Protein backbone atom coordinates (compact mmCIF):
# COMPACT_ATOMS: atom_id res chain seq x y z
CA UNK A 1 -0.03 -0.05 0.07
CA UNK A 2 1.22 3.68 -0.60
CA UNK A 3 -0.03 6.51 1.59
CA UNK A 4 0.35 10.11 0.51
CA UNK A 5 0.40 12.00 4.14
CA UNK A 6 0.47 15.43 5.37
CA UNK A 7 -0.29 17.15 8.57
CA UNK A 8 -2.24 20.36 9.30
CA UNK A 9 -2.18 21.52 13.03
CA UNK A 10 -4.20 24.39 14.25
CA UNK A 11 -5.82 25.08 10.76
CA UNK A 12 -2.48 26.63 9.87
CA UNK A 13 -3.02 25.48 6.24
CA UNK A 14 -5.63 24.90 3.76
CA UNK A 15 -6.28 20.89 2.84
CA UNK A 16 -6.15 21.02 -1.02
CA UNK A 17 -7.17 17.62 -2.96
CA UNK A 18 -4.47 15.99 -5.34
CA UNK A 19 -4.36 17.41 -8.88
CA UNK A 20 -4.98 13.41 -9.97
CA UNK A 21 -7.63 11.20 -9.67
CA UNK A 22 -7.76 8.25 -6.75
CA UNK A 23 -5.95 4.98 -7.27
CA UNK A 24 -6.53 1.59 -5.96
CA UNK A 25 -4.00 0.90 -3.59
CA UNK A 26 -3.42 4.41 -2.38
CA UNK A 27 -4.56 6.21 0.51
CA UNK A 28 -4.32 10.20 1.51
CA UNK A 29 -4.12 10.67 5.21
CA UNK A 30 -4.07 14.12 7.03
CA UNK A 31 -2.90 14.35 10.53
CA UNK A 32 -4.59 17.05 12.34
CA UNK A 33 -5.91 18.03 15.90
CA UNK A 34 -8.74 20.24 14.44
CA UNK A 35 -12.25 18.21 14.47
CA UNK A 36 -14.13 20.59 12.17
CA UNK A 37 -12.09 20.36 9.09
CA UNK A 38 -14.13 20.16 5.93
CA UNK A 39 -14.24 17.01 4.05
CA UNK A 40 -11.68 17.13 0.98
CA UNK A 41 -11.90 13.90 -0.61
CA UNK A 42 -9.81 11.62 -0.91
CA UNK A 43 -8.20 12.96 2.18
CA UNK A 44 -8.90 10.85 5.26
CA UNK A 45 -8.40 12.48 8.94
CA UNK A 46 -6.12 10.84 11.55
CA UNK A 47 -5.56 12.13 14.98
CA UNK A 48 -1.88 13.33 15.50
CA UNK A 49 0.34 12.29 18.56
CA UNK A 50 1.45 15.32 20.30
CA UNK A 51 5.23 16.16 20.64
CA UNK A 52 5.49 19.63 22.02
CA UNK A 53 4.15 22.72 20.19
CA UNK A 54 2.35 22.64 17.00
CA UNK A 55 5.63 23.08 14.82
CA UNK A 56 7.49 20.57 16.22
CA UNK A 57 4.33 18.31 16.35
CA UNK A 58 3.57 18.73 12.86
CA UNK A 59 7.09 17.21 11.75
CA UNK A 60 6.53 14.00 13.86
CA UNK A 61 4.43 12.16 10.96
CA UNK A 62 6.91 13.72 8.51
CA UNK A 63 10.01 12.31 10.13
CA UNK A 64 8.75 9.05 11.40
CA UNK A 65 5.95 7.67 9.42
CA UNK A 66 6.66 4.19 9.92
CA UNK A 67 5.32 4.65 13.30
CA UNK A 68 2.16 6.24 12.54
CA UNK A 69 1.42 4.41 9.13
CA UNK A 70 2.31 0.87 10.29
CA UNK A 71 0.14 -0.30 7.43
CA UNK A 72 1.97 0.98 4.55
CA UNK A 73 4.62 -0.21 2.23
CA UNK A 74 5.66 3.11 0.66
CA UNK A 75 5.02 6.81 1.98
CA UNK A 76 4.61 10.03 0.08
CA UNK A 77 4.92 13.09 2.53
CA UNK A 78 3.85 16.73 1.03
CA UNK A 79 3.42 19.76 3.25
CA UNK A 80 0.23 20.78 3.67
CA UNK A 81 0.49 23.49 1.22
CA UNK A 82 1.39 21.39 -1.64
CA UNK A 83 -0.67 19.12 -4.16
CA UNK A 84 0.35 16.05 -5.60
CA UNK A 85 0.48 16.56 -9.43
CA UNK A 86 1.38 12.81 -10.62
CA UNK A 87 -0.40 9.44 -9.51
CA UNK A 88 1.39 8.25 -6.32
CA UNK A 89 1.95 4.78 -7.84
CA UNK A 90 4.03 6.48 -10.73
CA UNK A 91 6.07 8.69 -8.06
CA UNK A 92 7.03 5.52 -6.37
CA UNK A 93 7.88 3.50 -9.30
CA UNK A 94 10.01 6.28 -11.03
CA UNK A 95 11.72 7.70 -7.73
CA UNK A 96 12.26 4.83 -6.07
CA UNK A 97 13.54 2.52 -8.90
CA UNK A 98 16.98 2.37 -7.58
CA UNK A 99 16.73 3.84 -4.21
CA UNK A 100 14.42 3.77 -0.95
CA UNK A 101 14.15 7.39 -0.06
CA UNK A 102 13.59 10.46 -2.58
CA UNK A 103 13.69 14.19 -1.71
CA UNK A 104 14.25 17.70 -3.53
CA UNK A 105 17.75 19.20 -3.06
CA UNK A 106 17.45 22.51 -1.41
CA UNK A 107 16.87 25.11 -3.82
CA UNK A 108 19.33 27.74 -2.41
CA UNK A 109 21.84 26.09 -0.10
CA UNK A 110 23.36 22.79 0.18
CA UNK A 111 25.70 23.03 3.63
CA UNK A 112 23.72 22.78 7.20
CA UNK A 113 26.33 25.44 8.74
CA UNK A 114 25.49 27.79 5.69
CA UNK A 115 21.71 27.31 6.48
CA UNK A 116 22.37 27.49 10.12
CA UNK A 117 24.07 30.71 9.59
CA UNK A 118 21.22 32.35 7.58
CA UNK A 119 18.54 31.03 10.08
CA UNK A 120 20.41 32.91 13.06
CA UNK A 121 20.58 36.19 11.18
CA UNK A 122 16.84 35.81 10.07
CA UNK A 123 16.04 35.23 13.87
CA UNK A 124 18.18 38.43 14.80
CA UNK A 125 16.69 40.60 11.72
CA UNK A 126 13.15 39.52 11.38
CA UNK A 127 12.21 37.55 14.73
CA UNK A 128 8.31 38.08 14.16
CA UNK A 129 8.52 35.80 11.14
CA UNK A 130 10.26 33.10 12.85
CA UNK A 131 8.35 32.73 16.34
CA UNK A 132 9.19 29.13 16.66
CA UNK A 133 12.98 28.88 15.95
CA UNK A 134 14.68 28.64 19.07
CA UNK A 135 18.07 30.93 18.60
CA UNK A 136 19.68 29.29 21.62
CA UNK A 137 18.72 25.72 20.41
CA UNK A 138 20.00 26.70 17.02
CA UNK A 139 23.49 27.71 18.44
CA UNK A 140 23.65 24.45 20.52
CA UNK A 141 22.58 22.19 17.36
CA UNK A 142 25.24 23.63 14.92
CA UNK A 143 27.95 23.18 17.98
CA UNK A 144 26.69 19.84 18.50
CA UNK A 145 27.09 18.94 14.68
CA UNK A 146 30.67 20.61 14.73
CA UNK A 147 31.60 18.66 17.76
CA UNK A 148 30.60 15.18 16.24
CA UNK A 149 32.61 15.99 13.12
CA UNK A 150 30.06 16.66 10.37
CA UNK A 151 31.98 18.11 7.68
CA UNK A 152 31.69 21.45 6.43
CA UNK A 153 30.58 22.37 2.91
CA UNK A 154 28.97 18.72 2.47
CA UNK A 155 26.26 19.55 0.25
CA UNK A 156 23.45 17.35 1.38
CA UNK A 157 20.77 19.74 2.14
CA UNK A 158 17.28 18.84 1.35
CA UNK A 159 13.87 20.53 0.66
CA UNK A 160 11.73 18.47 2.65
CA UNK A 161 8.21 19.41 1.38
CA UNK A 162 8.23 16.09 -0.72
CA UNK A 163 9.55 12.96 0.76
CA UNK A 164 9.18 9.64 -1.13
CA UNK A 165 10.13 6.45 1.19
CA UNK A 166 10.01 2.81 0.94
CA UNK A 167 9.54 1.53 4.49
CA UNK A 168 12.30 -0.88 5.08
CA UNK A 169 13.97 -1.43 8.50
CA UNK A 170 17.05 0.75 7.52
CA UNK A 171 14.51 3.84 6.50
CA UNK A 172 12.97 3.29 9.85
CA UNK A 173 16.27 3.77 11.49
CA UNK A 174 16.97 6.65 9.68
CA UNK A 175 13.65 8.06 10.40
CA UNK A 176 14.27 7.39 14.08
CA UNK A 177 17.87 8.93 13.88
CA UNK A 178 16.51 11.91 12.34
CA UNK A 179 13.72 12.54 15.15
CA UNK A 180 16.14 12.12 17.89
CA UNK A 181 18.42 14.87 16.25
CA UNK A 182 15.54 16.94 15.41
CA UNK A 183 13.79 16.95 19.10
CA UNK A 184 17.21 18.30 20.48
CA UNK A 185 17.31 20.97 17.85
CA UNK A 186 15.82 24.13 17.06
CA UNK A 187 13.04 22.83 15.07
CA UNK A 188 14.03 23.27 11.64
CA UNK A 189 14.24 19.69 10.21
CA UNK A 190 16.27 20.58 7.36
CA UNK A 191 19.49 20.78 9.58
CA UNK A 192 19.19 17.46 11.00
CA UNK A 193 18.33 15.30 8.19
CA UNK A 194 21.83 15.68 6.56
CA UNK A 195 23.43 14.48 9.87
CA UNK A 196 21.35 11.60 10.36
CA UNK A 197 21.81 10.64 6.94
CA UNK A 198 25.56 10.94 7.57
CA UNK A 199 25.25 8.89 10.60
CA UNK A 200 23.69 6.16 8.75
CA UNK A 201 26.87 5.60 6.79
CA UNK A 202 25.33 4.60 3.42
CA UNK A 203 22.71 2.20 4.86
CA UNK A 204 19.86 4.15 2.94
CA UNK A 205 20.29 5.31 -0.62
CA UNK A 206 18.69 8.70 -1.53
CA UNK A 207 17.50 9.85 -4.64
CA UNK A 208 18.11 13.71 -4.71
CA UNK A 209 16.18 14.02 -7.83
CA UNK A 210 18.77 15.96 -9.92
CA UNK A 211 16.45 15.87 -12.81
CA UNK A 212 13.91 18.26 -11.21
CA UNK A 213 14.65 22.14 -10.49
CA UNK A 214 13.45 22.26 -7.05
CA UNK A 215 10.24 21.94 -4.98
CA UNK A 216 8.74 25.03 -6.13
CA UNK A 217 8.37 24.25 -9.92
CA UNK A 218 8.36 20.35 -9.29
CA UNK A 219 6.23 18.04 -11.68
CA UNK A 220 5.47 16.10 -8.61
CA UNK A 221 3.68 18.54 -6.73
CA UNK A 222 2.01 22.21 -7.23
CA UNK A 223 3.33 24.70 -4.75
CA UNK A 224 0.98 26.94 -2.87
CA UNK A 225 1.24 29.47 -0.20
CA UNK A 226 0.84 28.63 3.41
CA UNK A 227 -2.68 29.69 4.86
CA UNK A 228 -0.84 32.37 7.03
CA UNK A 229 -0.49 34.43 3.87
CA UNK A 230 -4.21 34.60 3.46
CA UNK A 231 -4.08 37.44 0.88
CA UNK A 232 -2.06 35.24 -1.65
CA UNK A 233 -4.26 34.80 -4.83
CA UNK A 234 -4.34 31.09 -4.29
CA UNK A 235 -5.69 31.57 -0.67
CA UNK A 236 -8.54 33.81 -1.38
CA UNK A 237 -11.03 31.12 -2.42
CA UNK A 238 -10.43 29.58 1.32
CA UNK A 239 -11.58 32.42 3.23
CA UNK A 240 -15.31 31.85 3.50
CA UNK A 241 -14.64 28.24 4.82
CA UNK A 242 -11.69 29.28 7.03
CA UNK A 243 -14.11 31.94 8.65
CA UNK A 244 -16.67 29.11 9.47
CA UNK A 245 -13.70 26.68 10.79
CA UNK A 246 -12.74 29.55 13.14
CA UNK A 247 -16.38 30.08 14.33
CA UNK A 248 -16.78 26.50 15.02
CA UNK A 249 -13.49 26.21 17.08
CA UNK A 250 -14.46 29.37 18.99
CA UNK A 251 -17.60 27.44 20.06
CA UNK A 252 -15.76 24.61 20.98
CA UNK A 253 -13.10 26.91 23.05
CA UNK A 254 -16.36 28.70 24.62
CA UNK A 255 -18.14 25.49 25.71
CA UNK A 256 -15.22 22.84 26.42
CA UNK A 257 -12.15 25.03 26.81
CA UNK A 258 -8.98 25.72 24.89
CA UNK A 259 -8.06 22.81 22.36
CA UNK A 260 -4.79 24.36 21.67
CA UNK A 261 -5.42 25.68 18.04
CA UNK A 262 -2.92 28.39 18.16
CA UNK A 263 -2.37 29.21 14.62
CA UNK A 264 -6.11 28.97 13.59
CA UNK A 265 -7.23 32.35 11.98
CA UNK A 266 -9.97 32.84 9.33
């Protein structure tokens, strides 16, 4: 079985249907904590396992899918702002033909340390745009990678908006190694994945999909703006439904208390 999966917490994104028809043997599962999201076939909803704040919890299905999707043989993770462009079976057959993992290269940088330096600068200069980035943990994370000998200039940074995996024992081990690094870090999964892969010493073959330009213009998934940028053209159509969701959640809060929907806004 192939499972396409995503995670939308607190109404942070607008769940969008795939751009291809349903396939036999393929399921689409959205992990969420909002019980009043509208039906978006073929997506099914599944409760998320909490792992800290929404930002960190949203990474759990992304990083360790073998623990929350035990029934699948292959998984395709897509960020909540993306839509699948190609049939899942075709993606798996092509991108995992020789490998067990596939992800786009980072569109701008390759080095973990370069990415860390940029994040530190952005946190200083525009802290309001990076509320879930812990600057102290970022410094500690980068220092830890240097201390363990992770090489400078190793071009292994990935854009993890789309991740295609064959669920093998080696992939499960890499997933769990990635999570252990991520949970101790600053909350940016791009930094910890290359280190986990380096630690795996080649036990998982990764397809970096050099035949595609980047995740933003990939033929695998259409890029859309996160719902936080609600005035972007591809989000305007969702405003009425988001207002209805916000009203339903407000009533839930009024009657039953705060459910932790920290990012929800019309």
